[in-house]
Amino acid sequence: MVAVINELAERELVERAPDPEDRRRNVITLTPLGRRRLRRLEQILDTAQDELLAPLSAAEREQLTRLLGRIVEHHAYGGPAVGPDGQ
């Protein structure tokens, strides 16, 4: 995580400051440039998603999102392990 924050700071996308309540921690905030870059990346992502999901209706997109969310939740929160034989 430190390497990522260092790179973002070098690019002037974030600023790092000591946490006033705990000097061992840093508070990371987006710079104005970082906010602009984030907005641009969100636009690019929206365009890519619209192109990828173009064949689906709004209801189908919502259903896909729910189903993918269930898969992520299952694996992120330690759902039951299933072996290659389905057991």
N, C-alpha and C. Protein backbone atom coordinates (compact mmCIF):
# COMPACT_ATOMS: atom_id res chain seq x y z
N MET A 1 0.82 -1.18 0.00
CA MET A 1 0.00 0.00 0.00
C MET A 1 0.88 1.26 0.00
N VAL A 2 1.96 1.21 0.74
CA VAL A 2 2.86 2.37 0.80
C VAL A 2 3.41 2.70 -0.58
N ALA A 3 3.76 1.68 -1.35
CA ALA A 3 4.30 1.92 -2.69
C ALA A 3 3.27 2.61 -3.58
N VAL A 4 2.02 2.22 -3.47
CA VAL A 4 0.95 2.84 -4.27
C VAL A 4 0.79 4.30 -3.87
N ILE A 5 0.74 4.56 -2.56
CA ILE A 5 0.60 5.94 -2.07
C ILE A 5 1.81 6.78 -2.49
N ASN A 6 3.00 6.21 -2.41
CA ASN A 6 4.20 6.94 -2.85
C ASN A 6 4.11 7.33 -4.31
N GLU A 7 3.66 6.39 -5.15
CA GLU A 7 3.55 6.69 -6.58
C GLU A 7 2.51 7.78 -6.84
N LEU A 8 1.37 7.68 -6.16
CA LEU A 8 0.33 8.70 -6.33
C LEU A 8 0.83 10.07 -5.86
N ALA A 9 1.59 10.08 -4.77
CA ALA A 9 2.14 11.34 -4.26
C ALA A 9 3.16 11.92 -5.24
N GLU A 10 4.00 11.06 -5.82
CA GLU A 10 4.98 11.52 -6.81
C GLU A 10 4.29 12.16 -8.01
N ARG A 11 3.13 11.64 -8.36
CA ARG A 11 2.37 12.19 -9.49
C ARG A 11 1.50 13.38 -9.09
N GLU A 12 1.60 13.77 -7.81
CA GLU A 12 0.83 14.90 -7.25
C GLU A 12 -0.66 14.67 -7.32
N LEU A 13 -1.07 13.41 -7.17
CA LEU A 13 -2.49 13.06 -7.18
C LEU A 13 -3.06 12.97 -5.76
N VAL A 14 -2.18 12.75 -4.78
CA VAL A 14 -2.59 12.73 -3.37
C VAL A 14 -1.56 13.49 -2.55
N GLU A 15 -2.01 13.91 -1.36
CA GLU A 15 -1.12 14.51 -0.38
C GLU A 15 -1.16 13.67 0.88
N ARG A 16 -0.03 13.55 1.52
CA ARG A 16 0.09 12.77 2.75
C ARG A 16 0.44 13.74 3.88
N ALA A 17 -0.28 13.61 5.01
CA ALA A 17 0.01 14.44 6.18
C ALA A 17 -0.14 13.59 7.43
N PRO A 18 0.62 13.89 8.47
CA PRO A 18 0.47 13.13 9.71
C PRO A 18 -0.94 13.29 10.28
N ASP A 19 -1.48 12.21 10.82
CA ASP A 19 -2.78 12.25 11.49
C ASP A 19 -2.60 13.01 12.80
N PRO A 20 -3.34 14.09 13.01
CA PRO A 20 -3.14 14.87 14.24
C PRO A 20 -3.47 14.08 15.52
N GLU A 21 -4.28 13.04 15.40
CA GLU A 21 -4.66 12.25 16.58
C GLU A 21 -3.75 11.06 16.81
N ASP A 22 -3.01 10.66 15.78
CA ASP A 22 -2.11 9.50 15.91
C ASP A 22 -0.95 9.73 14.94
N ARG A 23 0.16 10.22 15.44
CA ARG A 23 1.30 10.60 14.60
C ARG A 23 1.91 9.42 13.86
N ARG A 24 1.55 8.20 14.24
CA ARG A 24 2.08 7.02 13.53
C ARG A 24 1.36 6.81 12.20
N ARG A 25 0.22 7.42 12.05
CA ARG A 25 -0.60 7.25 10.84
C ARG A 25 -0.50 8.48 9.95
N ASN A 26 -0.84 8.29 8.69
CA ASN A 26 -0.91 9.39 7.73
C ASN A 26 -2.35 9.55 7.26
N VAL A 27 -2.71 10.78 6.96
CA VAL A 27 -4.00 11.07 6.33
C VAL A 27 -3.69 11.33 4.86
N ILE A 28 -4.38 10.61 4.00
CA ILE A 28 -4.17 10.74 2.56
C ILE A 28 -5.38 11.45 1.96
N THR A 29 -5.14 12.53 1.22
CA THR A 29 -6.24 13.26 0.58
C THR A 29 -5.91 13.46 -0.90
N LEU A 30 -6.97 13.50 -1.70
CA LEU A 30 -6.80 13.78 -3.13
C LEU A 30 -6.47 15.24 -3.33
N THR A 31 -5.58 15.50 -4.25
CA THR A 31 -5.28 16.87 -4.66
C THR A 31 -6.32 17.27 -5.71
N PRO A 32 -6.39 18.56 -6.05
CA PRO A 32 -7.28 18.96 -7.15
C PRO A 32 -6.99 18.18 -8.44
N LEU A 33 -5.71 17.97 -8.74
CA LEU A 33 -5.34 17.17 -9.91
C LEU A 33 -5.84 15.75 -9.76
N GLY A 34 -5.71 15.19 -8.56
CA GLY A 34 -6.20 13.83 -8.30
C GLY A 34 -7.70 13.72 -8.50
N ARG A 35 -8.44 14.74 -8.06
CA ARG A 35 -9.91 14.73 -8.25
C ARG A 35 -10.27 14.79 -9.73
N ARG A 36 -9.55 15.64 -10.48
CA ARG A 36 -9.81 15.72 -11.92
C ARG A 36 -9.51 14.39 -12.59
N ARG A 37 -8.39 13.77 -12.23
CA ARG A 37 -8.01 12.48 -12.82
C ARG A 37 -9.05 11.42 -12.48
N LEU A 38 -9.53 11.41 -11.24
CA LEU A 38 -10.54 10.44 -10.82
C LEU A 38 -11.83 10.63 -11.62
N ARG A 39 -12.26 11.87 -11.79
CA ARG A 39 -13.48 12.13 -12.58
C ARG A 39 -13.30 11.62 -14.01
N ARG A 40 -12.13 11.85 -14.60
CA ARG A 40 -11.87 11.39 -15.97
C ARG A 40 -11.88 9.87 -16.04
N LEU A 41 -11.27 9.21 -15.07
CA LEU A 41 -11.27 7.75 -15.05
C LEU A 41 -12.69 7.19 -14.88
N GLU A 42 -13.51 7.88 -14.08
CA GLU A 42 -14.91 7.45 -13.92
C GLU A 42 -15.66 7.56 -15.24
N GLN A 43 -15.40 8.62 -16.01
CA GLN A 43 -16.03 8.77 -17.33
C GLN A 43 -15.60 7.65 -18.27
N ILE A 44 -14.31 7.33 -18.26
CA ILE A 44 -13.80 6.25 -19.11
C ILE A 44 -14.44 4.93 -18.72
N LEU A 45 -14.54 4.67 -17.42
CA LEU A 45 -15.15 3.44 -16.93
C LEU A 45 -16.62 3.36 -17.34
N ASP A 46 -17.36 4.45 -17.18
CA ASP A 46 -18.77 4.46 -17.57
C ASP A 46 -18.93 4.14 -19.06
N THR A 47 -18.09 4.72 -19.90
CA THR A 47 -18.15 4.47 -21.34
C THR A 47 -17.85 3.01 -21.65
N ALA A 48 -16.81 2.46 -21.00
CA ALA A 48 -16.44 1.06 -21.23
C ALA A 48 -17.56 0.12 -20.78
N GLN A 49 -18.16 0.41 -19.63
CA GLN A 49 -19.26 -0.44 -19.15
C GLN A 49 -20.46 -0.37 -20.10
N ASP A 50 -20.78 0.83 -20.57
CA ASP A 50 -21.89 0.97 -21.51
C ASP A 50 -21.65 0.17 -22.78
N GLU A 51 -20.42 0.19 -23.28
CA GLU A 51 -20.09 -0.57 -24.49
C GLU A 51 -20.16 -2.07 -24.22
N LEU A 52 -19.59 -2.51 -23.12
CA LEU A 52 -19.58 -3.94 -22.79
C LEU A 52 -20.99 -4.47 -22.55
N LEU A 53 -21.81 -3.70 -21.85
CA LEU A 53 -23.14 -4.18 -21.46
C LEU A 53 -24.24 -3.74 -22.42
N ALA A 54 -23.87 -3.22 -23.57
CA ALA A 54 -24.85 -2.71 -24.54
C ALA A 54 -25.95 -3.72 -24.88
N PRO A 55 -25.65 -5.02 -24.99
CA PRO A 55 -26.72 -5.96 -25.36
C PRO A 55 -27.74 -6.21 -24.25
N LEU A 56 -27.46 -5.76 -23.03
CA LEU A 56 -28.35 -6.04 -21.90
C LEU A 56 -29.29 -4.87 -21.63
N SER A 57 -30.50 -5.21 -21.23
CA SER A 57 -31.45 -4.18 -20.81
C SER A 57 -31.05 -3.68 -19.43
N ALA A 58 -31.70 -2.61 -18.98
CA ALA A 58 -31.40 -2.07 -17.65
C ALA A 58 -31.67 -3.12 -16.57
N ALA A 59 -32.77 -3.87 -16.71
CA ALA A 59 -33.10 -4.92 -15.73
C ALA A 59 -32.05 -6.02 -15.76
N GLU A 60 -31.57 -6.39 -16.94
CA GLU A 60 -30.54 -7.44 -17.04
C GLU A 60 -29.22 -6.97 -16.43
N ARG A 61 -28.89 -5.69 -16.64
CA ARG A 61 -27.67 -5.14 -16.04
C ARG A 61 -27.76 -5.19 -14.51
N GLU A 62 -28.92 -4.84 -13.99
CA GLU A 62 -29.12 -4.88 -12.54
C GLU A 62 -29.01 -6.31 -12.01
N GLN A 63 -29.60 -7.24 -12.74
CA GLN A 63 -29.52 -8.65 -12.33
C GLN A 63 -28.08 -9.14 -12.36
N LEU A 64 -27.34 -8.80 -13.41
CA LEU A 64 -25.94 -9.19 -13.51
C LEU A 64 -25.13 -8.63 -12.34
N THR A 65 -25.37 -7.37 -12.01
CA THR A 65 -24.67 -6.75 -10.90
C THR A 65 -24.97 -7.47 -9.59
N ARG A 66 -26.24 -7.81 -9.36
CA ARG A 66 -26.62 -8.55 -8.14
C ARG A 66 -25.93 -9.91 -8.09
N LEU A 67 -25.94 -10.63 -9.20
CA LEU A 67 -25.34 -11.97 -9.23
C LEU A 67 -23.83 -11.91 -9.01
N LEU A 68 -23.17 -10.97 -9.67
CA LEU A 68 -21.73 -10.83 -9.47
C LEU A 68 -21.42 -10.43 -8.03
N GLY A 69 -22.26 -9.59 -7.45
CA GLY A 69 -22.09 -9.21 -6.05
C GLY A 69 -22.19 -10.40 -5.12
N ARG A 70 -23.11 -11.30 -5.42
CA ARG A 70 -23.25 -12.52 -4.60
C ARG A 70 -21.99 -13.37 -4.69
N ILE A 71 -21.42 -13.49 -5.88
CA ILE A 71 -20.19 -14.28 -6.06
C ILE A 71 -19.05 -13.66 -5.26
N VAL A 72 -18.88 -12.35 -5.38
CA VAL A 72 -17.82 -11.66 -4.64
C VAL A 72 -18.02 -11.82 -3.14
N GLU A 73 -19.23 -11.61 -2.68
CA GLU A 73 -19.53 -11.74 -1.25
C GLU A 73 -19.21 -13.15 -0.76
N HIS A 74 -19.60 -14.14 -1.53
CA HIS A 74 -19.34 -15.53 -1.15
C HIS A 74 -17.86 -15.78 -0.95
N HIS A 75 -17.06 -15.32 -1.90
CA HIS A 75 -15.63 -15.59 -1.83
C HIS A 75 -14.90 -14.66 -0.87
N ALA A 76 -15.37 -13.44 -0.72
CA ALA A 76 -14.71 -12.49 0.17
C ALA A 76 -14.94 -12.81 1.63
N TYR A 77 -16.07 -13.40 1.94
CA TYR A 77 -16.42 -13.64 3.33
C TYR A 77 -16.38 -15.11 3.70
N GLY A 78 -15.57 -15.87 2.98
CA GLY A 78 -15.31 -17.25 3.37
C GLY A 78 -16.51 -18.17 3.26
N GLY A 79 -17.16 -18.14 2.12
CA GLY A 79 -18.25 -19.09 1.90
C GLY A 79 -17.71 -20.50 1.95
N PRO A 80 -18.59 -21.48 1.98
CA PRO A 80 -18.13 -22.87 2.07
C PRO A 80 -17.22 -23.22 0.89
N ALA A 81 -16.15 -23.89 1.20
CA ALA A 81 -15.21 -24.33 0.18
C ALA A 81 -15.79 -25.48 -0.61
N VAL A 82 -15.62 -25.44 -1.91
CA VAL A 82 -16.09 -26.51 -2.79
C VAL A 82 -14.90 -27.02 -3.58
N GLY A 83 -14.70 -28.32 -3.52
CA GLY A 83 -13.59 -28.91 -4.25
C GLY A 83 -13.92 -29.12 -5.70
N PRO A 84 -12.95 -29.60 -6.50
CA PRO A 84 -13.17 -29.82 -7.93
C PRO A 84 -14.29 -30.82 -8.22
N ASP A 85 -14.56 -31.71 -7.27
CA ASP A 85 -15.62 -32.70 -7.48
C ASP A 85 -16.99 -32.19 -7.00
N GLY A 86 -17.06 -30.90 -6.63
CA GLY A 86 -18.33 -30.34 -6.19
C GLY A 86 -18.63 -30.64 -4.73
N GLN A 87 -17.73 -31.27 -4.04
CA GLN A 87 -17.96 -31.65 -2.61
C GLN A 87 -17.33 -30.64 -1.68
